[in-house]
C-alpha atoms as a PDB file:
ATOM      1  CA  MET A   1      58.610  26.516  75.761  1.00  0.00           C
ATOM      2  CA  GLU A   2      61.696  27.206  77.589  1.00  0.00           C
ATOM      3  CA  ASN A   3      62.657  25.649  80.818  1.00  0.00           C
ATOM      4  CA  PRO A   4      62.286  28.159  83.674  1.00  0.00           C
ATOM      5  CA  SER A   5      65.039  26.482  85.616  1.00  0.00           C
ATOM      6  CA  VAL A   6      67.466  27.381  82.820  1.00  0.00           C
ATOM      7  CA  HIS A   7      66.552  31.022  83.062  1.00  0.00           C
ATOM      8  CA  SER A   8      66.794  30.926  86.853  1.00  0.00           C
ATOM      9  CA  SER A   9      70.096  29.249  86.763  1.00  0.00           C
ATOM     10  CA  ALA A  10      71.496  31.745  84.183  1.00  0.00           C
ATOM     11  CA  SER A  11      70.110  34.692  86.215  1.00  0.00           C
ATOM     12  CA  GLN A  12      71.621  33.274  89.314  1.00  0.00           C
ATOM     13  CA  GLU A  13      75.013  32.918  87.673  1.00  0.00           C
ATOM     14  CA  ALA A  14      74.854  36.498  86.377  1.00  0.00           C
ATOM     15  CA  MET A  15      73.875  37.744  89.771  1.00  0.00           C
ATOM     16  CA  ASP A  16      76.813  35.821  91.303  1.00  0.00           C
ATOM     17  CA  ARG A  17      79.229  37.286  88.779  1.00  0.00           C
ATOM     18  CA  LEU A  18      77.850  40.756  89.524  1.00  0.00           C
ATOM     19  CA  LEU A  19      78.234  40.279  93.233  1.00  0.00           C
ATOM     20  CA  ARG A  20      81.832  38.983  92.908  1.00  0.00           C
ATOM     21  CA  SER A  21      82.646  41.915  90.685  1.00  0.00           C
ATOM     22  CA  GLN A  22      81.134  44.324  93.174  1.00  0.00           C
ATOM     23  CA  GLN A  23      83.148  42.690  96.063  1.00  0.00           C
ATOM     24  CA  GLN A  24      86.327  42.907  93.983  1.00  0.00           C
ATOM     25  CA  ALA A  25      85.688  46.585  93.293  1.00  0.00           C
ATOM     26  CA  ASP A  26      84.958  47.297  96.905  1.00  0.00           C
ATOM     27  CA  ALA A  27      88.195  45.476  97.894  1.00  0.00           C
ATOM     28  CA  ALA A  28      90.102  47.525  95.346  1.00  0.00           C
ATOM     29  CA  VAL A  29      88.589  50.781  96.613  1.00  0.00           C
ATOM     30  CA  THR A  30      89.482  49.841 100.282  1.00  0.00           C
ATOM     31  CA  THR A  31      93.036  48.965  99.180  1.00  0.00           C
ATOM     32  CA  CYS A  32      93.385  52.304  97.320  1.00  0.00           C
ATOM     33  CA  ARG A  33      92.032  54.205 100.293  1.00  0.00           C
ATOM     34  CA  ASN A  34      94.522  52.435 102.633  1.00  0.00           C
ATOM     35  CA  GLN A  35      97.325  53.188 100.338  1.00  0.00           C
ATOM     36  CA  ALA A  36      96.277  56.806 100.153  1.00  0.00           C
ATOM     37  CA  VAL A  37      96.229  57.041 103.984  1.00  0.00           C
ATOM     38  CA  ALA A  38      99.669  55.560 104.153  1.00  0.00           C
ATOM     39  CA  LEU A  39     100.973  57.899 101.524  1.00  0.00           C
ATOM     40  CA  LEU A  40      99.639  60.898 103.364  1.00  0.00           C
ATOM     41  CA  ALA A  41     101.102  59.764 106.608  1.00  0.00           C
ATOM     42  CA  THR A  42     104.492  59.319 104.961  1.00  0.00           C
ATOM     43  CA  ALA A  43     104.276  62.739 103.312  1.00  0.00           C
ATOM     44  CA  ARG A  44     103.299  64.325 106.724  1.00  0.00           C
ATOM     45  CA  ASN A  45     106.232  62.726 108.391  1.00  0.00           C
ATOM     46  CA  GLN A  46     108.544  63.923 105.594  1.00  0.00           C
ATOM     47  CA  VAL A  47     107.211  67.485 105.912  1.00  0.00           C
ATOM     48  CA  LEU A  48     107.829  67.421 109.683  1.00  0.00           C
ATOM     49  CA  ASP A  49     111.367  66.135 109.100  1.00  0.00           C
ATOM     50  CA  ILE A  50     112.003  68.887 106.579  1.00  0.00           C
ATOM     51  CA  GLN A  51     110.689  71.537 108.946  1.00  0.00           C
ATOM     52  CA  ARG A  52     112.909  70.147 111.799  1.00  0.00           C
ATOM     53  CA  LYS A  53     115.963  70.101 109.641  1.00  0.00           C
ATOM     54  CA  ALA A  54     115.202  73.660 108.360  1.00  0.00           C
ATOM     55  CA  ASP A  55     114.662  74.930 111.921  1.00  0.00           C
ATOM     56  CA  ASP A  56     117.971  73.260 113.102  1.00  0.00           C
ATOM     57  CA  GLN A  57     119.883  74.851 110.204  1.00  0.00           C
ATOM     58  CA  ILE A  58     118.357  78.279 110.903  1.00  0.00           C
ATOM     59  CA  SER A  59     119.266  77.990 114.496  1.00  0.00           C
ATOM     60  CA  LEU A  60     122.859  76.999 113.559  1.00  0.00           C
ATOM     61  CA  ILE A  61     123.114  79.867 111.143  1.00  0.00           C
ATOM     62  CA  HIS A  62     121.755  82.305 113.775  1.00  0.00           C
ATOM     63  CA  LYS A  63     124.287  81.010 116.294  1.00  0.00           C
ATOM     64  CA  GLN A  64     127.219  81.165 113.900  1.00  0.00           C
ATOM     65  CA  ARG A  65     126.331  84.662 112.686  1.00  0.00           C
ATOM     66  CA  GLY A  66     125.801  85.718 116.348  1.00  0.00           C
ATOM     67  CA  LYS A  67     129.352  84.598 117.149  1.00  0.00           C
ATOM     68  CA  LYS A  68     130.733  86.474 114.113  1.00  0.00           C
ATOM     69  CA  ILE A  69     128.877  89.597 115.028  1.00  0.00           C
ATOM     70  CA  LYS A  70     130.043  89.431 118.607  1.00  0.00           C
ATOM     71  CA  LYS A  71     133.622  88.974 117.482  1.00  0.00           C
ATOM     72  CA  ARG A  72     133.278  91.902 114.998  1.00  0.00           C
ATOM     73  CA  VAL A  73     131.694  94.195 117.672  1.00  0.00           C
ATOM     74  CA  GLN A  74     134.556  93.260 120.091  1.00  0.00           C
ATOM     75  CA  ALA A  75     137.074  94.061 117.458  1.00  0.00           C
ATOM     76  CA  LEU A  76     135.434  97.360 116.778  1.00  0.00           C
ATOM     77  CA  ILE A  77     135.407  98.252 120.499  1.00  0.00           C
ATOM     78  CA  LEU A  78     139.011  97.349 120.826  1.00  0.00           C
ATOM     79  CA  GLN A  79     139.906  99.322 117.664  1.00  0.00           C
ATOM     80  CA  ASN A  80     137.917 102.389 119.031  1.00  0.00           C
ATOM     81  CA  ARG A  81     139.716 102.082 122.391  1.00  0.00           C
ATOM     82  CA  GLN A  82     143.086 101.881 120.657  1.00  0.00           C
ATOM     83  CA  ALA A  83     142.135 105.026 118.587  1.00  0.00           C
ATOM     84  CA  ASP A  84     141.147 106.808 121.761  1.00  0.00           C
ATOM     85  CA  ALA A  85     144.379 105.836 123.409  1.00  0.00           C
ATOM     86  CA  GLU A  86     146.385 107.020 120.464  1.00  0.00           C
ATOM     87  CA  GLN A  87     144.639 110.360 120.454  1.00  0.00           C
ATOM     88  CA  LEU A  88     145.383 110.785 124.204  1.00  0.00           C
ATOM     89  CA  GLN A  89     149.071 110.141 123.561  1.00  0.00           C
ATOM     90  CA  ASP A  90     149.296 112.877 120.838  1.00  0.00           C
ATOM     91  CA  PRO A  91     149.968 116.116 122.771  1.00  0.00           C
ATOM     92  CA  GLN A  92     148.526 118.414 120.119  1.00  0.00           C
ATOM     93  CA  GLN A  93     145.315 116.429 119.785  1.00  0.00           C
ATOM     94  CA  LEU A  94     145.017 116.239 123.650  1.00  0.00           C
ATOM     95  CA  SER A  95     145.637 119.933 123.885  1.00  0.00           C
ATOM     96  CA  GLN A  96     142.941 120.721 121.239  1.00  0.00           C
ATOM     97  CA  ALA A  97     140.460 118.317 123.040  1.00  0.00           C
ATOM     98  CA  VAL A  98     141.140 120.110 126.353  1.00  0.00           C
ATOM     99  CA  LEU A  99     140.605 123.597 124.775  1.00  0.00           C
ATOM    100  CA  LEU A 100     137.427 122.427 123.072  1.00  0.00           C
ATOM    101  CA  LEU A 101     136.099 121.019 126.344  1.00  0.00           C
ATOM    102  CA  ALA A 102     136.941 124.133 128.212  1.00  0.00           C
ATOM    103  CA  ALA A 103     135.261 126.311 125.635  1.00  0.00           C
ATOM    104  CA  ARG A 104     132.185 124.290 125.718  1.00  0.00           C
ATOM    105  CA  LEU A 105     132.045 124.261 129.490  1.00  0.00           C
ATOM    106  CA  THR A 106     132.461 128.047 129.646  1.00  0.00           C
ATOM    107  CA  GLY A 107     129.823 128.776 127.026  1.00  0.00           C
ATOM    108  CA  GLY A 108     132.292 129.456 124.306  1.00  0.00           C
ATOM    109  CA  SER A 109     131.742 128.645 120.645  1.00  0.00           C
ATOM    110  CA  GLY A 110     133.716 125.423 120.912  1.00  0.00           C
ATOM    111  CA  GLU A 111     135.978 126.526 118.170  1.00  0.00           C
ATOM    112  CA  VAL A 112     139.617 125.699 118.774  1.00  0.00           C
ATOM    113  CA  LYS A 113     142.230 128.158 117.483  1.00  0.00           C
ATOM    114  CA  ALA A 114     145.631 126.622 116.958  1.00  0.00           C
END
């Protein structure tokens, strides 16, 4: 007959090994979860940094384009004023403009005959 204490001792050792393995597995799972949480936090921070940088660059582009548009509009206004001033200096064009205005004000067709 076999000694029951040998079976009991072997069973106890097997149970101890099983419990140690389970503890190691639990610790490994906890470590992996902690690493995943840390990676997610890092990724979220990186996303926020990218969004901030993109927003900053978009704002800068809008500001630069706004300045360029403003300068171009001012240049067009100046060019238009200069063209108007040149037309007023040309006696023939001024005369035609006056005749056209007079015709329109008096109900005429607005056609100018030279």
